[in-house]
Amino acid sequence: YTYTYTYTYTYTYTYTYTYTYTYTYTYTYTYTYTYTNTYTYTYTYTYTYTYTFTYTYTYTFTYTYTYIYTYTYTYTYTHLWRWRYGPQPQPRRVQLRTQQPLEVPHHRHRPALRGVGLE
């Protein structure tokens, strides 16, 4: 018998990196007006621009491991044959007989053949 087991493991790793960049620009304008050397007006304008950039990087790693185990079992089965019907037969006993002198067979008359002319 052979049994095979398969195990699969999957691991997933996710890494996320976020980068943020901010740029700020400031502009200042100043205007000065002087009237007849008496009044002076100063106007100041300030402009600020802000730019923000965001970058996101995502990395995903997937690892898959597969393990295969194989088991082999060997069974040896021995069956003893048994006689099921009646008593179990016994091995024959062979008896060695001593050699006896040959007997001369008795003479027998052959049967007459009638009707053939050989009487």
Foldseek 3Di string as FASTA:
>chain_A
DKDKDKDKDKDKDKDKDKDKDKDKDKDKDWDWDQDPNPDIDIDIDMDMDMDMDMDMDMDMDMDMDMDMDMDDDDDDDDDDDADDPPDGDDDDDDDDDDDDDDDDDDDDDDDDDPPPPPD
